[in-house]
Amino acid sequence: MSKISFFLYFCIFFILFNYISSSLKFNIPNNRDKCFSEEIYIDGTLLVRYDLKGIESVKKENQEKVLKNIKLFVKDPNGKILRELYLINRKGKFALRVEKEGSYTICARYYKTWSVTELPKDVVLGLKIRSDYENKQIEQSIHTNDIKNFLDKIKALKYKVIPSISSSKKEIEEEDKIAKAIISTSNLYFILTLIQLILIFIIAFYQIFNLRRFLASKKII
């Protein structure tokens, strides 16, 4: 067998093993907890999907009661229960926010009733456990130092940009004042010019009137 073939078989085996470990089917005991562990390396969300099969092997009048007596719960690395629920539907999911690394335990247990003291072997619970990150992403994650350096760069940039913005703002304000002064001066010049033209026309008409009267007195016209 070549090295390439061996490597290929190893990869297929690893993928299948990883899928099996994340998709579990088991009988639910009634006298103890059935638990599975999931390693959490950084804070994130733990997603648990469940699917109960074989409940049809229980008498129809007892199925709903049996379903509600099956409990799922999640424990933190210290054994403290973070989340627990009794099944309402045969299939569902729930998510849990985890804030510290460690081994988290997902457990199931059946609390027997007087009519069904033990679940039939056909009743199995399927679990799919998934987290929103992988171990290989730890080195690529953002650390506190990275955030601190980023904030320091933002502050340094702010100290450089703010004086420039203030200077630009002052220049714009000065230019605005000059523009307003020019416009005001232009308006004043236009008004004065208009007044001057009006005065010229008045004086011209006055001179023409006086000249006409003078010529009339001399009987020239």
C-alpha atoms as a PDB file:
ATOM      1  CA  MET A   1       0.000   0.000   0.000  1.00  0.00           C
ATOM      2  CA  SER A   2       1.467   3.386  -1.044  1.00  0.00           C
ATOM      3  CA  LYS A   3       1.847   6.273   1.334  1.00  0.00           C
ATOM      4  CA  ILE A   4      -0.754   8.286  -0.595  1.00  0.00           C
ATOM      5  CA  SER A   5      -3.358   5.512  -0.278  1.00  0.00           C
ATOM      6  CA  PHE A   6      -2.612   5.126   3.418  1.00  0.00           C
ATOM      7  CA  PHE A   7      -2.974   8.879   3.929  1.00  0.00           C
ATOM      8  CA  LEU A   8      -6.264   8.878   1.994  1.00  0.00           C
ATOM      9  CA  TYR A   9      -7.715   6.050   4.082  1.00  0.00           C
ATOM     10  CA  PHE A  10      -6.570   7.806   7.246  1.00  0.00           C
ATOM     11  CA  CYS A  11      -8.340  11.034   6.212  1.00  0.00           C
ATOM     12  CA  ILE A  12     -11.574   9.157   5.417  1.00  0.00           C
ATOM     13  CA  PHE A  13     -11.408   7.344   8.753  1.00  0.00           C
ATOM     14  CA  PHE A  14     -10.789  10.620  10.597  1.00  0.00           C
ATOM     15  CA  ILE A  15     -13.734  12.332   8.869  1.00  0.00           C
ATOM     16  CA  LEU A  16     -16.058   9.405   9.625  1.00  0.00           C
ATOM     17  CA  PHE A  17     -14.867   9.267  13.227  1.00  0.00           C
ATOM     18  CA  ASN A  18     -15.422  12.995  13.631  1.00  0.00           C
ATOM     19  CA  TYR A  19     -18.936  12.710  12.163  1.00  0.00           C
ATOM     20  CA  ILE A  20     -19.808   9.762  14.402  1.00  0.00           C
ATOM     21  CA  SER A  21     -18.503  11.545  17.490  1.00  0.00           C
ATOM     22  CA  SER A  22     -20.636  14.584  16.686  1.00  0.00           C
ATOM     23  CA  SER A  23     -23.740  12.581  15.796  1.00  0.00           C
ATOM     24  CA  LEU A  24     -24.602  10.164  18.640  1.00  0.00           C
ATOM     25  CA  LYS A  25     -27.446   7.682  19.037  1.00  0.00           C
ATOM     26  CA  PHE A  26     -27.979   5.828  22.280  1.00  0.00           C
ATOM     27  CA  ASN A  27     -30.536   4.277  24.598  1.00  0.00           C
ATOM     28  CA  ILE A  28     -31.594   6.471  27.502  1.00  0.00           C
ATOM     29  CA  PRO A  29     -31.114   4.851  30.917  1.00  0.00           C
ATOM     30  CA  ASN A  30     -33.576   5.412  33.746  1.00  0.00           C
ATOM     31  CA  ASN A  31     -31.259   4.903  36.682  1.00  0.00           C
ATOM     32  CA  ARG A  32     -28.272   7.065  35.710  1.00  0.00           C
ATOM     33  CA  ASP A  33     -27.153   9.894  33.432  1.00  0.00           C
ATOM     34  CA  LYS A  34     -25.861   9.145  29.960  1.00  0.00           C
ATOM     35  CA  CYS A  35     -23.277  11.834  29.211  1.00  0.00           C
ATOM     36  CA  PHE A  36     -20.924  12.970  26.456  1.00  0.00           C
ATOM     37  CA  SER A  37     -18.171  15.561  26.633  1.00  0.00           C
ATOM     38  CA  GLU A  38     -17.358  18.426  24.304  1.00  0.00           C
ATOM     39  CA  GLU A  39     -14.104  20.353  24.631  1.00  0.00           C
ATOM     40  CA  ILE A  40     -14.508  24.128  24.399  1.00  0.00           C
ATOM     41  CA  TYR A  41     -11.331  26.101  23.756  1.00  0.00           C
ATOM     42  CA  ILE A  42     -12.587  29.680  23.533  1.00  0.00           C
ATOM     43  CA  ASP A  43     -15.879  31.339  24.368  1.00  0.00           C
ATOM     44  CA  GLY A  44     -18.654  30.818  21.843  1.00  0.00           C
ATOM     45  CA  THR A  45     -21.967  29.039  21.327  1.00  0.00           C
ATOM     46  CA  LEU A  46     -22.680  25.371  21.892  1.00  0.00           C
ATOM     47  CA  LEU A  47     -25.475  24.021  19.682  1.00  0.00           C
ATOM     48  CA  VAL A  48     -27.217  20.750  20.599  1.00  0.00           C
ATOM     49  CA  ARG A  49     -29.715  19.088  18.254  1.00  0.00           C
ATOM     50  CA  TYR A  50     -31.785  16.142  19.464  1.00  0.00           C
ATOM     51  CA  ASP A  51     -33.951  13.605  17.669  1.00  0.00           C
ATOM     52  CA  LEU A  52     -35.911  10.917  19.559  1.00  0.00           C
ATOM     53  CA  LYS A  53     -36.715   7.805  17.557  1.00  0.00           C
ATOM     54  CA  GLY A  54     -38.590   4.583  18.349  1.00  0.00           C
ATOM     55  CA  ILE A  55     -41.163   6.176  20.650  1.00  0.00           C
ATOM     56  CA  GLU A  56     -43.793   4.296  18.638  1.00  0.00           C
ATOM     57  CA  SER A  57     -42.786   1.125  20.498  1.00  0.00           C
ATOM     58  CA  VAL A  58     -44.356   2.628  23.638  1.00  0.00           C
ATOM     59  CA  LYS A  59     -48.125   2.437  24.011  1.00  0.00           C
ATOM     60  CA  LYS A  60     -49.802   5.432  22.426  1.00  0.00           C
ATOM     61  CA  GLU A  61     -51.461   6.605  25.645  1.00  0.00           C
ATOM     62  CA  ASN A  62     -48.045   6.677  27.383  1.00  0.00           C
ATOM     63  CA  GLN A  63     -45.979   8.310  24.647  1.00  0.00           C
ATOM     64  CA  GLU A  64     -46.545  11.926  25.649  1.00  0.00           C
ATOM     65  CA  LYS A  65     -45.836  11.198  29.321  1.00  0.00           C
ATOM     66  CA  VAL A  66     -42.649   9.300  28.437  1.00  0.00           C
ATOM     67  CA  LEU A  67     -41.514  12.140  26.187  1.00  0.00           C
ATOM     68  CA  LYS A  68     -41.923  14.727  28.949  1.00  0.00           C
ATOM     69  CA  ASN A  69     -39.952  12.524  31.395  1.00  0.00           C
ATOM     70  CA  ILE A  70     -36.792  12.600  29.254  1.00  0.00           C
ATOM     71  CA  LYS A  71     -34.421  15.335  30.368  1.00  0.00           C
ATOM     72  CA  LEU A  72     -31.440  16.883  28.585  1.00  0.00           C
ATOM     73  CA  PHE A  73     -28.972  19.030  30.483  1.00  0.00           C
ATOM     74  CA  VAL A  74     -25.539  20.603  30.030  1.00  0.00           C
ATOM     75  CA  LYS A  75     -22.886  20.874  32.750  1.00  0.00           C
ATOM     76  CA  ASP A  76     -19.888  23.194  32.861  1.00  0.00           C
ATOM     77  CA  PRO A  77     -16.330  21.962  33.680  1.00  0.00           C
ATOM     78  CA  ASN A  78     -17.140  22.307  37.407  1.00  0.00           C
ATOM     79  CA  GLY A  79     -20.232  20.082  37.152  1.00  0.00           C
ATOM     80  CA  LYS A  80     -22.715  22.943  37.469  1.00  0.00           C
ATOM     81  CA  ILE A  81     -25.876  22.562  35.369  1.00  0.00           C
ATOM     82  CA  LEU A  82     -26.055  25.470  32.922  1.00  0.00           C
ATOM     83  CA  ARG A  83     -29.138  24.439  30.971  1.00  0.00           C
ATOM     84  CA  GLU A  84     -31.772  21.711  31.371  1.00  0.00           C
ATOM     85  CA  LEU A  85     -34.998  20.890  29.611  1.00  0.00           C
ATOM     86  CA  TYR A  86     -37.595  18.136  29.390  1.00  0.00           C
ATOM     87  CA  LEU A  87     -38.487  17.095  25.882  1.00  0.00           C
ATOM     88  CA  ILE A  88     -41.709  18.503  24.477  1.00  0.00           C
ATOM     89  CA  ASN A  89     -41.210  17.474  20.872  1.00  0.00           C
ATOM     90  CA  ARG A  90     -39.397  14.495  19.433  1.00  0.00           C
ATOM     91  CA  LYS A  91     -37.020  16.723  17.523  1.00  0.00           C
ATOM     92  CA  GLY A  92     -35.554  20.094  18.392  1.00  0.00           C
ATOM     93  CA  LYS A  93     -32.463  22.078  19.268  1.00  0.00           C
ATOM     94  CA  PHE A  94     -31.124  24.572  21.773  1.00  0.00           C
ATOM     95  CA  ALA A  95     -28.088  26.816  21.966  1.00  0.00           C
ATOM     96  CA  LEU A  96     -25.985  27.700  24.970  1.00  0.00           C
ATOM     97  CA  ARG A  97     -23.510  30.550  25.328  1.00  0.00           C
ATOM     98  CA  VAL A  98     -20.250  29.409  26.967  1.00  0.00           C
ATOM     99  CA  GLU A  99     -17.785  31.953  28.317  1.00  0.00           C
ATOM    100  CA  LYS A 100     -14.802  29.862  29.448  1.00  0.00           C
ATOM    101  CA  GLU A 101     -12.819  26.963  28.076  1.00  0.00           C
ATOM    102  CA  GLY A 102     -13.013  23.434  29.394  1.00  0.00           C
ATOM    103  CA  SER A 103     -14.862  20.146  29.036  1.00  0.00           C
ATOM    104  CA  TYR A 104     -18.640  20.596  28.870  1.00  0.00           C
ATOM    105  CA  THR A 105     -20.923  17.623  29.472  1.00  0.00           C
ATOM    106  CA  ILE A 106     -24.181  16.959  27.623  1.00  0.00           C
ATOM    107  CA  CYS A 107     -26.367  14.420  29.448  1.00  0.00           C
ATOM    108  CA  ALA A 108     -29.701  12.660  29.061  1.00  0.00           C
ATOM    109  CA  ARG A 109     -31.821  10.703  31.542  1.00  0.00           C
ATOM    110  CA  TYR A 110     -35.243   9.104  31.672  1.00  0.00           C
ATOM    111  CA  TYR A 111     -37.314   9.507  34.845  1.00  0.00           C
ATOM    112  CA  LYS A 112     -39.467   6.406  34.976  1.00  0.00           C
ATOM    113  CA  THR A 113     -43.239   6.436  35.422  1.00  0.00           C
ATOM    114  CA  TRP A 114     -45.390   3.751  37.031  1.00  0.00           C
ATOM    115  CA  SER A 115     -46.672   2.685  33.603  1.00  0.00           C
ATOM    116  CA  VAL A 116     -43.287   2.676  31.806  1.00  0.00           C
ATOM    117  CA  THR A 117     -40.502   1.892  34.232  1.00  0.00           C
ATOM    118  CA  GLU A 118     -37.903   1.340  31.520  1.00  0.00           C
ATOM    119  CA  LEU A 119     -37.724   2.514  27.913  1.00  0.00           C
ATOM    120  CA  PRO A 120     -37.728  -0.150  25.202  1.00  0.00           C
ATOM    121  CA  LYS A 121     -34.466  -0.792  23.345  1.00  0.00           C
ATOM    122  CA  ASP A 122     -36.036   0.654  20.203  1.00  0.00           C
ATOM    123  CA  VAL A 123     -36.202   4.091  21.813  1.00  0.00           C
ATOM    124  CA  VAL A 124     -32.959   5.899  20.999  1.00  0.00           C
ATOM    125  CA  LEU A 125     -31.975   9.511  21.287  1.00  0.00           C
ATOM    126  CA  GLY A 126     -29.830  11.099  18.603  1.00  0.00           C
ATOM    127  CA  LEU A 127     -27.619  14.041  19.518  1.00  0.00           C
ATOM    128  CA  LYS A 128     -25.610  16.332  17.267  1.00  0.00           C
ATOM    129  CA  ILE A 129     -23.236  18.578  19.144  1.00  0.00           C
ATOM    130  CA  ARG A 130     -21.575  21.491  17.400  1.00  0.00           C
ATOM    131  CA  SER A 131     -19.701  24.601  18.429  1.00  0.00           C
ATOM    132  CA  ASP A 132     -19.182  27.708  16.297  1.00  0.00           C
ATOM    133  CA  TYR A 133     -15.390  27.494  16.275  1.00  0.00           C
ATOM    134  CA  GLU A 134     -12.567  24.947  15.951  1.00  0.00           C
ATOM    135  CA  ASN A 135      -9.331  24.431  17.846  1.00  0.00           C
ATOM    136  CA  LYS A 136      -7.216  25.410  14.835  1.00  0.00           C
ATOM    137  CA  GLN A 137      -8.700  28.908  14.927  1.00  0.00           C
ATOM    138  CA  ILE A 138      -7.298  29.754  18.360  1.00  0.00           C
ATOM    139  CA  GLU A 139      -4.018  31.171  17.036  1.00  0.00           C
ATOM    140  CA  GLN A 140      -6.002  33.306  14.581  1.00  0.00           C
ATOM    141  CA  SER A 141      -8.394  34.703  17.177  1.00  0.00           C
ATOM    142  CA  ILE A 142      -8.199  38.287  18.441  1.00  0.00           C
ATOM    143  CA  HIS A 143      -6.491  38.620  21.802  1.00  0.00           C
ATOM    144  CA  THR A 144      -6.654  41.436  24.355  1.00  0.00           C
ATOM    145  CA  ASN A 145      -3.243  42.762  23.326  1.00  0.00           C
ATOM    146  CA  ASP A 146      -4.360  42.956  19.693  1.00  0.00           C
ATOM    147  CA  ILE A 147      -7.419  44.984  20.668  1.00  0.00           C
ATOM    148  CA  LYS A 148      -5.341  47.252  22.928  1.00  0.00           C
ATOM    149  CA  ASN A 149      -2.836  47.938  20.134  1.00  0.00           C
ATOM    150  CA  PHE A 150      -5.691  48.610  17.744  1.00  0.00           C
ATOM    151  CA  LEU A 151      -7.265  51.101  20.179  1.00  0.00           C
ATOM    152  CA  ASP A 152      -3.893  52.813  20.692  1.00  0.00           C
ATOM    153  CA  LYS A 153      -3.549  53.210  16.922  1.00  0.00           C
ATOM    154  CA  ILE A 154      -7.054  54.676  16.710  1.00  0.00           C
ATOM    155  CA  LYS A 155      -6.242  57.161  19.504  1.00  0.00           C
ATOM    156  CA  ALA A 156      -2.954  58.164  17.819  1.00  0.00           C
ATOM    157  CA  LEU A 157      -4.778  58.636  14.536  1.00  0.00           C
ATOM    158  CA  LYS A 158      -7.431  60.709  16.292  1.00  0.00           C
ATOM    159  CA  TYR A 159      -4.787  63.030  17.774  1.00  0.00           C
ATOM    160  CA  LYS A 160      -3.332  63.512  14.300  1.00  0.00           C
ATOM    161  CA  VAL A 161      -6.610  64.011  12.508  1.00  0.00           C
ATOM    162  CA  ILE A 162      -8.413  66.315  14.978  1.00  0.00           C
ATOM    163  CA  PRO A 163      -5.896  69.242  14.691  1.00  0.00           C
ATOM    164  CA  SER A 164      -6.019  68.940  10.925  1.00  0.00           C
ATOM    165  CA  ILE A 165      -9.819  69.008  10.974  1.00  0.00           C
ATOM    166  CA  SER A 166      -9.809  72.019  13.329  1.00  0.00           C
ATOM    167  CA  SER A 167      -7.355  73.861  11.076  1.00  0.00           C
ATOM    168  CA  SER A 168      -9.424  73.075   7.994  1.00  0.00           C
ATOM    169  CA  LYS A 169     -12.561  74.232   9.797  1.00  0.00           C
ATOM    170  CA  LYS A 170     -10.933  77.564  10.704  1.00  0.00           C
ATOM    171  CA  GLU A 171      -9.770  78.052   7.112  1.00  0.00           C
ATOM    172  CA  ILE A 172     -13.284  77.360   5.827  1.00  0.00           C
ATOM    173  CA  GLU A 173     -14.743  79.822   8.344  1.00  0.00           C
ATOM    174  CA  GLU A 174     -12.226  82.525   7.299  1.00  0.00           C
ATOM    175  CA  GLU A 175     -12.944  81.910   3.625  1.00  0.00           C
ATOM    176  CA  ASP A 176     -16.659  82.097   4.351  1.00  0.00           C
ATOM    177  CA  LYS A 177     -16.218  85.469   6.114  1.00  0.00           C
ATOM    178  CA  ILE A 178     -14.149  86.845   3.216  1.00  0.00           C
ATOM    179  CA  ALA A 179     -16.701  85.619   0.676  1.00  0.00           C
ATOM    180  CA  LYS A 180     -19.530  87.245   2.639  1.00  0.00           C
ATOM    181  CA  ALA A 181     -17.552  90.499   2.875  1.00  0.00           C
ATOM    182  CA  ILE A 182     -16.895  90.461  -0.892  1.00  0.00           C
ATOM    183  CA  ILE A 183     -20.576  89.846  -1.603  1.00  0.00           C
ATOM    184  CA  SER A 184     -21.591  92.613   0.804  1.00  0.00           C
ATOM    185  CA  THR A 185     -19.116  95.045  -0.819  1.00  0.00           C
ATOM    186  CA  SER A 186     -20.359  94.124  -4.285  1.00  0.00           C
ATOM    187  CA  ASN A 187     -23.954  94.759  -3.244  1.00  0.00           C
ATOM    188  CA  LEU A 188     -23.007  98.149  -1.754  1.00  0.00           C
ATOM    189  CA  TYR A 189     -21.091  99.123  -4.901  1.00  0.00           C
ATOM    190  CA  PHE A 190     -24.097  98.157  -7.050  1.00  0.00           C
ATOM    191  CA  ILE A 191     -26.459 100.267  -4.926  1.00  0.00           C
ATOM    192  CA  LEU A 192     -24.127 103.273  -4.974  1.00  0.00           C
ATOM    193  CA  THR A 193     -23.694 102.970  -8.740  1.00  0.00           C
ATOM    194  CA  LEU A 194     -27.460 102.818  -9.197  1.00  0.00           C
ATOM    195  CA  ILE A 195     -27.924 105.914  -7.009  1.00  0.00           C
ATOM    196  CA  GLN A 196     -25.235 107.707  -8.994  1.00  0.00           C
ATOM    197  CA  LEU A 197     -26.982 106.916 -12.295  1.00  0.00           C
ATOM    198  CA  ILE A 198     -30.309 108.131 -10.908  1.00  0.00           C
ATOM    199  CA  LEU A 199     -28.693 111.403  -9.792  1.00  0.00           C
ATOM    200  CA  ILE A 200     -27.065 111.849 -13.218  1.00  0.00           C
ATOM    201  CA  PHE A 201     -30.447 111.381 -14.926  1.00  0.00           C
ATOM    202  CA  ILE A 202     -32.107 113.871 -12.548  1.00  0.00           C
ATOM    203  CA  ILE A 203     -29.384 116.477 -13.105  1.00  0.00           C
ATOM    204  CA  ALA A 204     -29.528 115.936 -16.874  1.00  0.00           C
ATOM    205  CA  PHE A 205     -33.299 116.413 -16.937  1.00  0.00           C
ATOM    206  CA  TYR A 206     -32.940 119.517 -14.742  1.00  0.00           C
ATOM    207  CA  GLN A 207     -30.336 121.028 -17.063  1.00  0.00           C
ATOM    208  CA  ILE A 208     -32.469 120.312 -20.115  1.00  0.00           C
ATOM    209  CA  PHE A 209     -35.490 121.903 -18.415  1.00  0.00           C
ATOM    210  CA  ASN A 210     -33.487 125.060 -17.499  1.00  0.00           C
ATOM    211  CA  LEU A 211     -32.066 125.283 -21.003  1.00  0.00           C
ATOM    212  CA  ARG A 212     -35.524 124.991 -22.512  1.00  0.00           C
ATOM    213  CA  ARG A 213     -36.864 127.733 -20.241  1.00  0.00           C
ATOM    214  CA  PHE A 214     -33.900 130.010 -21.062  1.00  0.00           C
ATOM    215  CA  LEU A 215     -34.394 129.578 -24.783  1.00  0.00           C
ATOM    216  CA  ALA A 216     -38.110 130.251 -24.363  1.00  0.00           C
ATOM    217  CA  SER A 217     -37.388 133.494 -22.482  1.00  0.00           C
ATOM    218  CA  LYS A 218     -35.169 134.672 -25.324  1.00  0.00           C
ATOM    219  CA  LYS A 219     -37.905 133.718 -27.766  1.00  0.00           C
ATOM    220  CA  ILE A 220     -35.520 131.422 -29.496  1.00  0.00           C
ATOM    221  CA  ILE A 221     -37.977 128.549 -29.337  1.00  0.00           C
END
